[in-house]
Amino acid sequence: MPDDDGHPLPEEMDLRTVLHALADPLRLGVIARFLREPAGTERTCASFELPVSKSTTSHHFKVMREAGLLRMVDHGNSRTAVLRREELDERFPGLLKLVAAG
């Protein structure tokens, strides 16, 4: 069962759901950009400057959060996202290497 913020536990992450989230080019690009950053980097959704509306950007980040790709961190009046790199590497070994190489 996901936590109160909608983040699934690593054992709840489903490969089909993760692959569905990565199937969208914008979401794949977000994850690829996170992979070029140091582990633990936090970024706002707006910092990616996706070429879509604010509500569509929010939807993309919700899909990635619910798939288990990202953890959203609440900072009071703002939120940042961080790639769940270690958890994903443990659950799906090699997946992030494929995304980075892609």
PDB file of N, CA and C in Angstrom:
ATOM      1  N   MET A   1       0.846  -1.180   0.000  1.00  0.00           N
ATOM      2  CA  MET A   1       0.000   0.000   0.000  1.00  0.00           C
ATOM      3  C   MET A   1       0.893   1.246   0.000  1.00  0.00           C
ATOM      4  N   PRO A   2       0.642   2.158  -0.903  1.00  0.00           N
ATOM      5  CA  PRO A   2       1.446   3.389  -0.963  1.00  0.00           C
ATOM      6  C   PRO A   2       1.387   4.150   0.361  1.00  0.00           C
ATOM      7  N   ASP A   3       2.420   4.967   0.605  1.00  0.00           N
ATOM      8  CA  ASP A   3       2.418   5.786   1.817  1.00  0.00           C
ATOM      9  C   ASP A   3       1.386   6.913   1.685  1.00  0.00           C
ATOM     10  N   ASP A   4       1.329   7.772   2.686  1.00  0.00           N
ATOM     11  CA  ASP A   4       0.323   8.850   2.702  1.00  0.00           C
ATOM     12  C   ASP A   4       0.464   9.817   1.531  1.00  0.00           C
ATOM     13  N   ASP A   5       1.660   9.896   0.943  1.00  0.00           N
ATOM     14  CA  ASP A   5       1.885  10.797  -0.189  1.00  0.00           C
ATOM     15  C   ASP A   5       1.786  10.090  -1.536  1.00  0.00           C
ATOM     16  N   GLY A   6       1.407   8.818  -1.523  1.00  0.00           N
ATOM     17  CA  GLY A   6       1.207   8.090  -2.774  1.00  0.00           C
ATOM     18  C   GLY A   6       2.450   7.434  -3.342  1.00  0.00           C
ATOM     19  N   HIS A   7       3.491   7.278  -2.540  1.00  0.00           N
ATOM     20  CA  HIS A   7       4.715   6.618  -3.004  1.00  0.00           C
ATOM     21  C   HIS A   7       4.615   5.126  -2.689  1.00  0.00           C
ATOM     22  N   PRO A   8       4.702   4.266  -3.710  1.00  0.00           N
ATOM     23  CA  PRO A   8       4.663   2.830  -3.422  1.00  0.00           C
ATOM     24  C   PRO A   8       5.954   2.381  -2.744  1.00  0.00           C
ATOM     25  N   LEU A   9       5.844   1.354  -1.926  1.00  0.00           N
ATOM     26  CA  LEU A   9       7.031   0.723  -1.366  1.00  0.00           C
ATOM     27  C   LEU A   9       7.772   0.024  -2.496  1.00  0.00           C
ATOM     28  N   PRO A  10       9.080  -0.170  -2.370  1.00  0.00           N
ATOM     29  CA  PRO A  10       9.824  -0.828  -3.459  1.00  0.00           C
ATOM     30  C   PRO A  10       9.216  -2.163  -3.891  1.00  0.00           C
ATOM     31  N   GLU A  11       8.781  -2.966  -2.941  1.00  0.00           N
ATOM     32  CA  GLU A  11       8.202  -4.265  -3.306  1.00  0.00           C
ATOM     33  C   GLU A  11       6.850  -4.138  -3.998  1.00  0.00           C
ATOM     34  N   GLU A  12       6.244  -2.962  -3.935  1.00  0.00           N
ATOM     35  CA  GLU A  12       4.971  -2.720  -4.613  1.00  0.00           C
ATOM     36  C   GLU A  12       5.159  -2.162  -6.023  1.00  0.00           C
ATOM     37  N   MET A  13       6.367  -1.763  -6.359  1.00  0.00           N
ATOM     38  CA  MET A  13       6.616  -1.216  -7.693  1.00  0.00           C
ATOM     39  C   MET A  13       6.430  -2.320  -8.724  1.00  0.00           C
ATOM     40  N   ASP A  14       5.630  -2.018  -9.721  1.00  0.00           N
ATOM     41  CA  ASP A  14       5.287  -2.982 -10.767  1.00  0.00           C
ATOM     42  C   ASP A  14       6.015  -2.589 -12.053  1.00  0.00           C
ATOM     43  N   LEU A  15       6.688  -3.538 -12.667  1.00  0.00           N
ATOM     44  CA  LEU A  15       7.465  -3.247 -13.869  1.00  0.00           C
ATOM     45  C   LEU A  15       6.593  -2.659 -14.974  1.00  0.00           C
ATOM     46  N   ARG A  16       5.388  -3.195 -15.167  1.00  0.00           N
ATOM     47  CA  ARG A  16       4.512  -2.665 -16.225  1.00  0.00           C
ATOM     48  C   ARG A  16       4.165  -1.204 -15.979  1.00  0.00           C
ATOM     49  N   THR A  17       3.915  -0.844 -14.722  1.00  0.00           N
ATOM     50  CA  THR A  17       3.577   0.529 -14.377  1.00  0.00           C
ATOM     51  C   THR A  17       4.773   1.449 -14.593  1.00  0.00           C
ATOM     52  N   VAL A  18       5.962   0.983 -14.200  1.00  0.00           N
ATOM     53  CA  VAL A  18       7.179   1.766 -14.406  1.00  0.00           C
ATOM     54  C   VAL A  18       7.437   1.961 -15.897  1.00  0.00           C
ATOM     55  N   LEU A  19       7.308   0.885 -16.674  1.00  0.00           N
ATOM     56  CA  LEU A  19       7.537   0.997 -18.120  1.00  0.00           C
ATOM     57  C   LEU A  19       6.501   1.894 -18.780  1.00  0.00           C
ATOM     58  N   HIS A  20       5.263   1.839 -18.306  1.00  0.00           N
ATOM     59  CA  HIS A  20       4.229   2.741 -18.833  1.00  0.00           C
ATOM     60  C   HIS A  20       4.620   4.195 -18.570  1.00  0.00           C
ATOM     61  N   ALA A  21       5.108   4.468 -17.362  1.00  0.00           N
ATOM     62  CA  ALA A  21       5.515   5.835 -17.026  1.00  0.00           C
ATOM     63  C   ALA A  21       6.678   6.277 -17.906  1.00  0.00           C
ATOM     64  N   LEU A  22       7.593   5.367 -18.184  1.00  0.00           N
ATOM     65  CA  LEU A  22       8.763   5.700 -19.006  1.00  0.00           C
ATOM     66  C   LEU A  22       8.447   5.740 -20.499  1.00  0.00           C
ATOM     67  N   ALA A  23       7.289   5.249 -20.891  1.00  0.00           N
ATOM     68  CA  ALA A  23       6.940   5.208 -22.315  1.00  0.00           C
ATOM     69  C   ALA A  23       6.685   6.591 -22.894  1.00  0.00           C
ATOM     70  N   ASP A  24       6.329   7.540 -22.051  1.00  0.00           N
ATOM     71  CA  ASP A  24       6.092   8.904 -22.530  1.00  0.00           C
ATOM     72  C   ASP A  24       7.432   9.616 -22.688  1.00  0.00           C
ATOM     73  N   PRO A  25       7.682  10.234 -23.836  1.00  0.00           N
ATOM     74  CA  PRO A  25       8.982  10.885 -24.065  1.00  0.00           C
ATOM     75  C   PRO A  25       9.320  11.988 -23.065  1.00  0.00           C
ATOM     76  N   LEU A  26       8.329  12.742 -22.614  1.00  0.00           N
ATOM     77  CA  LEU A  26       8.610  13.797 -21.646  1.00  0.00           C
ATOM     78  C   LEU A  26       9.025  13.210 -20.299  1.00  0.00           C
ATOM     79  N   ARG A  27       8.310  12.171 -19.857  1.00  0.00           N
ATOM     80  CA  ARG A  27       8.653  11.543 -18.581  1.00  0.00           C
ATOM     81  C   ARG A  27      10.002  10.837 -18.674  1.00  0.00           C
ATOM     82  N   LEU A  28      10.260  10.177 -19.787  1.00  0.00           N
ATOM     83  CA  LEU A  28      11.560   9.534 -19.981  1.00  0.00           C
ATOM     84  C   LEU A  28      12.668  10.575 -19.923  1.00  0.00           C
ATOM     85  N   GLY A  29      12.432  11.733 -20.510  1.00  0.00           N
ATOM     86  CA  GLY A  29      13.410  12.809 -20.482  1.00  0.00           C
ATOM     87  C   GLY A  29      13.666  13.322 -19.081  1.00  0.00           C
ATOM     88  N   VAL A  30      12.628  13.413 -18.265  1.00  0.00           N
ATOM     89  CA  VAL A  30      12.792  13.856 -16.877  1.00  0.00           C
ATOM     90  C   VAL A  30      13.696  12.881 -16.133  1.00  0.00           C
ATOM     91  N   ILE A  31      13.426  11.591 -16.284  1.00  0.00           N
ATOM     92  CA  ILE A  31      14.233  10.585 -15.581  1.00  0.00           C
ATOM     93  C   ILE A  31      15.664  10.601 -16.104  1.00  0.00           C
ATOM     94  N   ALA A  32      15.842  10.739 -17.400  1.00  0.00           N
ATOM     95  CA  ALA A  32      17.191  10.799 -17.974  1.00  0.00           C
ATOM     96  C   ALA A  32      17.950  12.008 -17.438  1.00  0.00           C
ATOM     97  N   ARG A  33      17.267  13.123 -17.276  1.00  0.00           N
ATOM     98  CA  ARG A  33      17.930  14.320 -16.730  1.00  0.00           C
ATOM     99  C   ARG A  33      18.313  14.115 -15.271  1.00  0.00           C
ATOM    100  N   PHE A  34      17.449  13.459 -14.502  1.00  0.00           N
ATOM    101  CA  PHE A  34      17.801  13.134 -13.119  1.00  0.00           C
ATOM    102  C   PHE A  34      19.039  12.233 -13.072  1.00  0.00           C
ATOM    103  N   LEU A  35      19.148  11.325 -14.018  1.00  0.00           N
ATOM    104  CA  LEU A  35      20.285  10.403 -14.026  1.00  0.00           C
ATOM    105  C   LEU A  35      21.607  11.107 -14.318  1.00  0.00           C
ATOM    106  N   ARG A  36      21.547  12.280 -14.912  1.00  0.00           N
ATOM    107  CA  ARG A  36      22.762  13.062 -15.167  1.00  0.00           C
ATOM    108  C   ARG A  36      23.154  13.921 -13.964  1.00  0.00           C
ATOM    109  N   GLU A  37      22.302  13.952 -12.965  1.00  0.00           N
ATOM    110  CA  GLU A  37      22.540  14.725 -11.746  1.00  0.00           C
ATOM    111  C   GLU A  37      23.116  13.811 -10.668  1.00  0.00           C
ATOM    112  N   PRO A  38      23.773  14.380  -9.659  1.00  0.00           N
ATOM    113  CA  PRO A  38      24.233  13.559  -8.529  1.00  0.00           C
ATOM    114  C   PRO A  38      23.038  12.898  -7.830  1.00  0.00           C
ATOM    115  N   ALA A  39      23.261  11.715  -7.278  1.00  0.00           N
ATOM    116  CA  ALA A  39      22.206  11.019  -6.533  1.00  0.00           C
ATOM    117  C   ALA A  39      21.674  11.925  -5.438  1.00  0.00           C
ATOM    118  N   GLY A  40      20.374  11.920  -5.251  1.00  0.00           N
ATOM    119  CA  GLY A  40      19.741  12.717  -4.211  1.00  0.00           C
ATOM    120  C   GLY A  40      19.377  14.127  -4.622  1.00  0.00           C
ATOM    121  N   THR A  41      19.669  14.504  -5.864  1.00  0.00           N
ATOM    122  CA  THR A  41      19.326  15.842  -6.338  1.00  0.00           C
ATOM    123  C   THR A  41      17.818  16.037  -6.285  1.00  0.00           C
ATOM    124  N   GLU A  42      17.401  17.162  -5.738  1.00  0.00           N
ATOM    125  CA  GLU A  42      15.985  17.534  -5.699  1.00  0.00           C
ATOM    126  C   GLU A  42      15.760  18.678  -6.673  1.00  0.00           C
ATOM    127  N   ARG A  43      14.682  18.559  -7.453  1.00  0.00           N
ATOM    128  CA  ARG A  43      14.339  19.619  -8.410  1.00  0.00           C
ATOM    129  C   ARG A  43      12.838  19.855  -8.378  1.00  0.00           C
ATOM    130  N   THR A  44      12.464  21.090  -8.633  1.00  0.00           N
ATOM    131  CA  THR A  44      11.043  21.390  -8.764  1.00  0.00           C
ATOM    132  C   THR A  44      10.559  20.900 -10.128  1.00  0.00           C
ATOM    133  N   CYS A  45       9.292  20.657 -10.226  1.00  0.00           N
ATOM    134  CA  CYS A  45       8.710  20.235 -11.506  1.00  0.00           C
ATOM    135  C   CYS A  45       8.924  21.309 -12.566  1.00  0.00           C
ATOM    136  N   ALA A  46       8.765  22.566 -12.171  1.00  0.00           N
ATOM    137  CA  ALA A  46       8.897  23.677 -13.114  1.00  0.00           C
ATOM    138  C   ALA A  46      10.310  23.805 -13.662  1.00  0.00           C
ATOM    139  N   SER A  47      11.311  23.333 -12.912  1.00  0.00           N
ATOM    140  CA  SER A  47      12.694  23.481 -13.357  1.00  0.00           C
ATOM    141  C   SER A  47      12.993  22.693 -14.629  1.00  0.00           C
ATOM    142  N   PHE A  48      12.136  21.729 -14.963  1.00  0.00           N
ATOM    143  CA  PHE A  48      12.333  20.948 -16.180  1.00  0.00           C
ATOM    144  C   PHE A  48      11.822  21.676 -17.422  1.00  0.00           C
ATOM    145  N   GLU A  49      11.012  22.706 -17.206  1.00  0.00           N
ATOM    146  CA  GLU A  49      10.467  23.514 -18.294  1.00  0.00           C
ATOM    147  C   GLU A  49       9.878  22.659 -19.419  1.00  0.00           C
ATOM    148  N   LEU A  50       8.991  21.740 -19.026  1.00  0.00           N
ATOM    149  CA  LEU A  50       8.337  20.888 -20.024  1.00  0.00           C
ATOM    150  C   LEU A  50       7.446  21.750 -20.921  1.00  0.00           C
ATOM    151  N   PRO A  51       7.365  21.415 -22.205  1.00  0.00           N
ATOM    152  CA  PRO A  51       6.591  22.223 -23.152  1.00  0.00           C
ATOM    153  C   PRO A  51       5.092  21.913 -23.106  1.00  0.00           C
ATOM    154  N   VAL A  52       4.547  21.878 -21.899  1.00  0.00           N
ATOM    155  CA  VAL A  52       3.126  21.581 -21.698  1.00  0.00           C
ATOM    156  C   VAL A  52       2.609  22.496 -20.593  1.00  0.00           C
ATOM    157  N   SER A  53       1.308  22.484 -20.392  1.00  0.00           N
ATOM    158  CA  SER A  53       0.702  23.329 -19.362  1.00  0.00           C
ATOM    159  C   SER A  53       1.125  22.861 -17.966  1.00  0.00           C
ATOM    160  N   LYS A  54       0.896  23.730 -16.988  1.00  0.00           N
ATOM    161  CA  LYS A  54       1.231  23.409 -15.600  1.00  0.00           C
ATOM    162  C   LYS A  54       0.460  22.179 -15.124  1.00  0.00           C
ATOM    163  N   SER A  55      -0.807  22.086 -15.497  1.00  0.00           N
ATOM    164  CA  SER A  55      -1.606  20.933 -15.060  1.00  0.00           C
ATOM    165  C   SER A  55      -1.111  19.640 -15.704  1.00  0.00           C
ATOM    166  N   THR A  56      -0.672  19.707 -16.952  1.00  0.00           N
ATOM    167  CA  THR A  56      -0.134  18.516 -17.615  1.00  0.00           C
ATOM    168  C   THR A  56       1.207  18.124 -17.009  1.00  0.00           C
ATOM    169  N   THR A  57       2.021  19.115 -16.658  1.00  0.00           N
ATOM    170  CA  THR A  57       3.276  18.831 -15.959  1.00  0.00           C
ATOM    171  C   THR A  57       2.978  18.116 -14.649  1.00  0.00           C
ATOM    172  N   SER A  58       2.007  18.614 -13.899  1.00  0.00           N
ATOM    173  CA  SER A  58       1.630  17.973 -12.638  1.00  0.00           C
ATOM    174  C   SER A  58       1.188  16.534 -12.865  1.00  0.00           C
ATOM    175  N   HIS A  59       0.424  16.311 -13.930  1.00  0.00           N
ATOM    176  CA  HIS A  59      -0.016  14.956 -14.252  1.00  0.00           C
ATOM    177  C   HIS A  59       1.176  14.038 -14.516  1.00  0.00           C
ATOM    178  N   HIS A  60       2.140  14.498 -15.303  1.00  0.00           N
ATOM    179  CA  HIS A  60       3.318  13.684 -15.598  1.00  0.00           C
ATOM    180  C   HIS A  60       4.068  13.312 -14.320  1.00  0.00           C
ATOM    181  N   PHE A  61       4.224  14.265 -13.408  1.00  0.00           N
ATOM    182  CA  PHE A  61       4.939  13.976 -12.164  1.00  0.00           C
ATOM    183  C   PHE A  61       4.124  13.053 -11.260  1.00  0.00           C
ATOM    184  N   LYS A  62       2.802  13.151 -11.320  1.00  0.00           N
ATOM    185  CA  LYS A  62       1.959  12.225 -10.567  1.00  0.00           C
ATOM    186  C   LYS A  62       2.140  10.800 -11.084  1.00  0.00           C
ATOM    187  N   VAL A  63       2.158  10.632 -12.395  1.00  0.00           N
ATOM    188  CA  VAL A  63       2.349   9.306 -12.981  1.00  0.00           C
ATOM    189  C   VAL A  63       3.697   8.723 -12.542  1.00  0.00           C
ATOM    190  N   MET A  64       4.749   9.545 -12.577  1.00  0.00           N
ATOM    191  CA  MET A  64       6.074   9.060 -12.172  1.00  0.00           C
ATOM    192  C   MET A  64       6.124   8.748 -10.673  1.00  0.00           C
ATOM    193  N   ARG A  65       5.442   9.558  -9.865  1.00  0.00           N
ATOM    194  CA  ARG A  65       5.384   9.296  -8.420  1.00  0.00           C
ATOM    195  C   ARG A  65       4.652   7.998  -8.137  1.00  0.00           C
ATOM    196  N   GLU A  66       3.492   7.827  -8.749  1.00  0.00           N
ATOM    197  CA  GLU A  66       2.684   6.629  -8.500  1.00  0.00           C
ATOM    198  C   GLU A  66       3.355   5.357  -9.012  1.00  0.00           C
ATOM    199  N   ALA A  67       4.205   5.490 -10.032  1.00  0.00           N
ATOM    200  CA  ALA A  67       4.946   4.334 -10.536  1.00  0.00           C
ATOM    201  C   ALA A  67       6.114   3.981  -9.618  1.00  0.00           C
ATOM    202  N   GLY A  68       6.531   4.937  -8.798  1.00  0.00           N
ATOM    203  CA  GLY A  68       7.659   4.716  -7.907  1.00  0.00           C
ATOM    204  C   GLY A  68       8.961   5.285  -8.420  1.00  0.00           C
ATOM    205  N   LEU A  69       8.928   5.997  -9.525  1.00  0.00           N
ATOM    206  CA  LEU A  69      10.153   6.571 -10.083  1.00  0.00           C
ATOM    207  C   LEU A  69      10.657   7.757  -9.272  1.00  0.00           C
ATOM    208  N   LEU A  70       9.739   8.559  -8.765  1.00  0.00           N
ATOM    209  CA  LEU A  70      10.106   9.781  -8.053  1.00  0.00           C
ATOM    210  C   LEU A  70       9.505   9.793  -6.657  1.00  0.00           C
ATOM    211  N   ARG A  71      10.200  10.461  -5.759  1.00  0.00           N
ATOM    212  CA  ARG A  71       9.655  10.766  -4.444  1.00  0.00           C
ATOM    213  C   ARG A  71       9.468  12.281  -4.399  1.00  0.00           C
ATOM    214  N   MET A  72       8.277  12.697  -4.019  1.00  0.00           N
ATOM    215  CA  MET A  72       7.981  14.110  -3.888  1.00  0.00           C
ATOM    216  C   MET A  72       8.266  14.512  -2.443  1.00  0.00           C
ATOM    217  N   VAL A  73       9.005  15.613  -2.283  1.00  0.00           N
ATOM    218  CA  VAL A  73       9.411  16.090  -0.969  1.00  0.00           C
ATOM    219  C   VAL A  73       8.717  17.422  -0.705  1.00  0.00           C
ATOM    220  N   ASP A  74       7.966  17.477   0.381  1.00  0.00           N
ATOM    221  CA  ASP A  74       7.207  18.684   0.730  1.00  0.00           C
ATOM    222  C   ASP A  74       8.109  19.642   1.493  1.00  0.00           C
ATOM    223  N   HIS A  75       8.139  20.898   1.029  1.00  0.00           N
ATOM    224  CA  HIS A  75       8.917  21.952   1.680  1.00  0.00           C
ATOM    225  C   HIS A  75       7.995  23.082   2.130  1.00  0.00           C
ATOM    226  N   GLY A  76       6.849  22.739   2.651  1.00  0.00           N
ATOM    227  CA  GLY A  76       5.893  23.751   3.104  1.00  0.00           C
ATOM    228  C   GLY A  76       5.097  24.314   1.953  1.00  0.00           C
ATOM    229  N   ASN A  77       5.590  25.393   1.348  1.00  0.00           N
ATOM    230  CA  ASN A  77       4.843  26.019   0.250  1.00  0.00           C
ATOM    231  C   ASN A  77       5.311  25.565  -1.124  1.00  0.00           C
ATOM    232  N   SER A  78       6.211  24.590  -1.174  1.00  0.00           N
ATOM    233  CA  SER A  78       6.649  24.052  -2.466  1.00  0.00           C
ATOM    234  C   SER A  78       7.002  22.577  -2.312  1.00  0.00           C
ATOM    235  N   ARG A  79       7.140  21.921  -3.447  1.00  0.00           N
ATOM    236  CA  ARG A  79       7.510  20.504  -3.464  1.00  0.00           C
ATOM    237  C   ARG A  79       8.630  20.311  -4.470  1.00  0.00           C
ATOM    238  N   THR A  80       9.494  19.374  -4.155  1.00  0.00           N
ATOM    239  CA  THR A  80      10.536  18.994  -5.094  1.00  0.00           C
ATOM    240  C   THR A  80      10.426  17.503  -5.349  1.00  0.00           C
ATOM    241  N   ALA A  81      11.062  17.079  -6.415  1.00  0.00           N
ATOM    242  CA  ALA A  81      11.081  15.663  -6.774  1.00  0.00           C
ATOM    243  C   ALA A  81      12.513  15.166  -6.706  1.00  0.00           C
ATOM    244  N   VAL A  82      12.659  13.911  -6.306  1.00  0.00           N
ATOM    245  CA  VAL A  82      13.964  13.262  -6.276  1.00  0.00           C
ATOM    246  C   VAL A  82      13.800  11.863  -6.863  1.00  0.00           C
ATOM    247  N   LEU A  83      14.742  11.465  -7.682  1.00  0.00           N
ATOM    248  CA  LEU A  83      14.711  10.137  -8.287  1.00  0.00           C
ATOM    249  C   LEU A  83      14.963   9.090  -7.212  1.00  0.00           C
ATOM    250  N   ARG A  84      14.173   8.042  -7.198  1.00  0.00           N
ATOM    251  CA  ARG A  84      14.331   6.951  -6.233  1.00  0.00           C
ATOM    252  C   ARG A  84      15.353   5.942  -6.775  1.00  0.00           C
ATOM    253  N   ARG A  85      16.535   6.432  -7.029  1.00  0.00           N
ATOM    254  CA  ARG A  85      17.590   5.701  -7.715  1.00  0.00           C
ATOM    255  C   ARG A  85      17.930   4.376  -7.028  1.00  0.00           C
ATOM    256  N   GLU A  86      18.261   4.418  -5.752  1.00  0.00           N
ATOM    257  CA  GLU A  86      18.669   3.200  -5.043  1.00  0.00           C
ATOM    258  C   GLU A  86      17.547   2.173  -5.010  1.00  0.00           C
ATOM    259  N   GLU A  87      16.334   2.626  -4.736  1.00  0.00           N
ATOM    260  CA  GLU A  87      15.195   1.714  -4.668  1.00  0.00           C
ATOM    261  C   GLU A  87      14.911   1.090  -6.033  1.00  0.00           C
ATOM    262  N   LEU A  88      15.017   1.889  -7.086  1.00  0.00           N
ATOM    263  CA  LEU A  88      14.786   1.361  -8.433  1.00  0.00           C
ATOM    264  C   LEU A  88      15.885   0.391  -8.842  1.00  0.00           C
ATOM    265  N   ASP A  89      17.135   0.719  -8.509  1.00  0.00           N
ATOM    266  CA  ASP A  89      18.239  -0.196  -8.837  1.00  0.00           C
ATOM    267  C   ASP A  89      18.092  -1.527  -8.113  1.00  0.00           C
ATOM    268  N   GLU A  90      17.595  -1.473  -6.887  1.00  0.00           N
ATOM    269  CA  GLU A  90      17.394  -2.707  -6.129  1.00  0.00           C
ATOM    270  C   GLU A  90      16.236  -3.526  -6.698  1.00  0.00           C
ATOM    271  N   ARG A  91      15.161  -2.852  -7.025  1.00  0.00           N
ATOM    272  CA  ARG A  91      13.948  -3.543  -7.504  1.00  0.00           C
ATOM    273  C   ARG A  91      14.085  -4.007  -8.956  1.00  0.00           C
ATOM    274  N   PHE A  92      14.675  -3.158  -9.813  1.00  0.00           N
ATOM    275  CA  PHE A  92      14.802  -3.463 -11.240  1.00  0.00           C
ATOM    276  C   PHE A  92      16.249  -3.243 -11.677  1.00  0.00           C
ATOM    277  N   PRO A  93      17.155  -4.156 -11.318  1.00  0.00           N
ATOM    278  CA  PRO A  93      18.577  -3.972 -11.645  1.00  0.00           C
ATOM    279  C   PRO A  93      18.790  -3.738 -13.143  1.00  0.00           C
ATOM    280  N   GLY A  94      19.549  -2.715 -13.457  1.00  0.00           N
ATOM    281  CA  GLY A  94      19.887  -2.409 -14.857  1.00  0.00           C
ATOM    282  C   GLY A  94      18.920  -1.501 -15.580  1.00  0.00           C
ATOM    283  N   LEU A  95      17.737  -1.304 -15.046  1.00  0.00           N
ATOM    284  CA  LEU A  95      16.730  -0.481 -15.747  1.00  0.00           C
ATOM    285  C   LEU A  95      17.224   0.955 -15.928  1.00  0.00           C
ATOM    286  N   LEU A  96      17.728   1.557 -14.884  1.00  0.00           N
ATOM    287  CA  LEU A  96      18.161   2.945 -14.983  1.00  0.00           C
ATOM    288  C   LEU A  96      19.385   3.079 -15.883  1.00  0.00           C
ATOM    289  N   LYS A  97      20.228   2.067 -15.951  1.00  0.00           N
ATOM    290  CA  LYS A  97      21.361   2.087 -16.880  1.00  0.00           C
ATOM    291  C   LYS A  97      20.856   2.116 -18.319  1.00  0.00           C
ATOM    292  N   LEU A  98      19.790   1.376 -18.595  1.00  0.00           N
ATOM    293  CA  LEU A  98      19.201   1.395 -19.940  1.00  0.00           C
ATOM    294  C   LEU A  98      18.611   2.758 -20.260  1.00  0.00           C
ATOM    295  N   VAL A  99      17.953   3.357 -19.279  1.00  0.00           N
ATOM    296  CA  VAL A  99      17.379   4.693 -19.503  1.00  0.00           C
ATOM    297  C   VAL A  99      18.504   5.699 -19.774  1.00  0.00           C
ATOM    298  N   ALA A 100      19.563   5.621 -18.978  1.00  0.00           N
ATOM    299  CA  ALA A 100      20.690   6.557 -19.152  1.00  0.00           C
ATOM    300  C   ALA A 100      21.369   6.366 -20.494  1.00  0.00           C
ATOM    301  N   ALA A 101      21.432   5.144 -20.978  1.00  0.00           N
ATOM    302  CA  ALA A 101      22.096   4.865 -22.249  1.00  0.00           C
ATOM    303  C   ALA A 101      21.229   5.209 -23.444  1.00  0.00           C
ATOM    304  N   GLY A 102      19.910   5.277 -23.219  1.00  0.00           N
ATOM    305  CA  GLY A 102      18.962   5.439 -24.283  1.00  0.00           C
ATOM    306  C   GLY A 102      18.983   6.742 -24.964  1.00  0.00           C
TER     307      GLY A 102
END
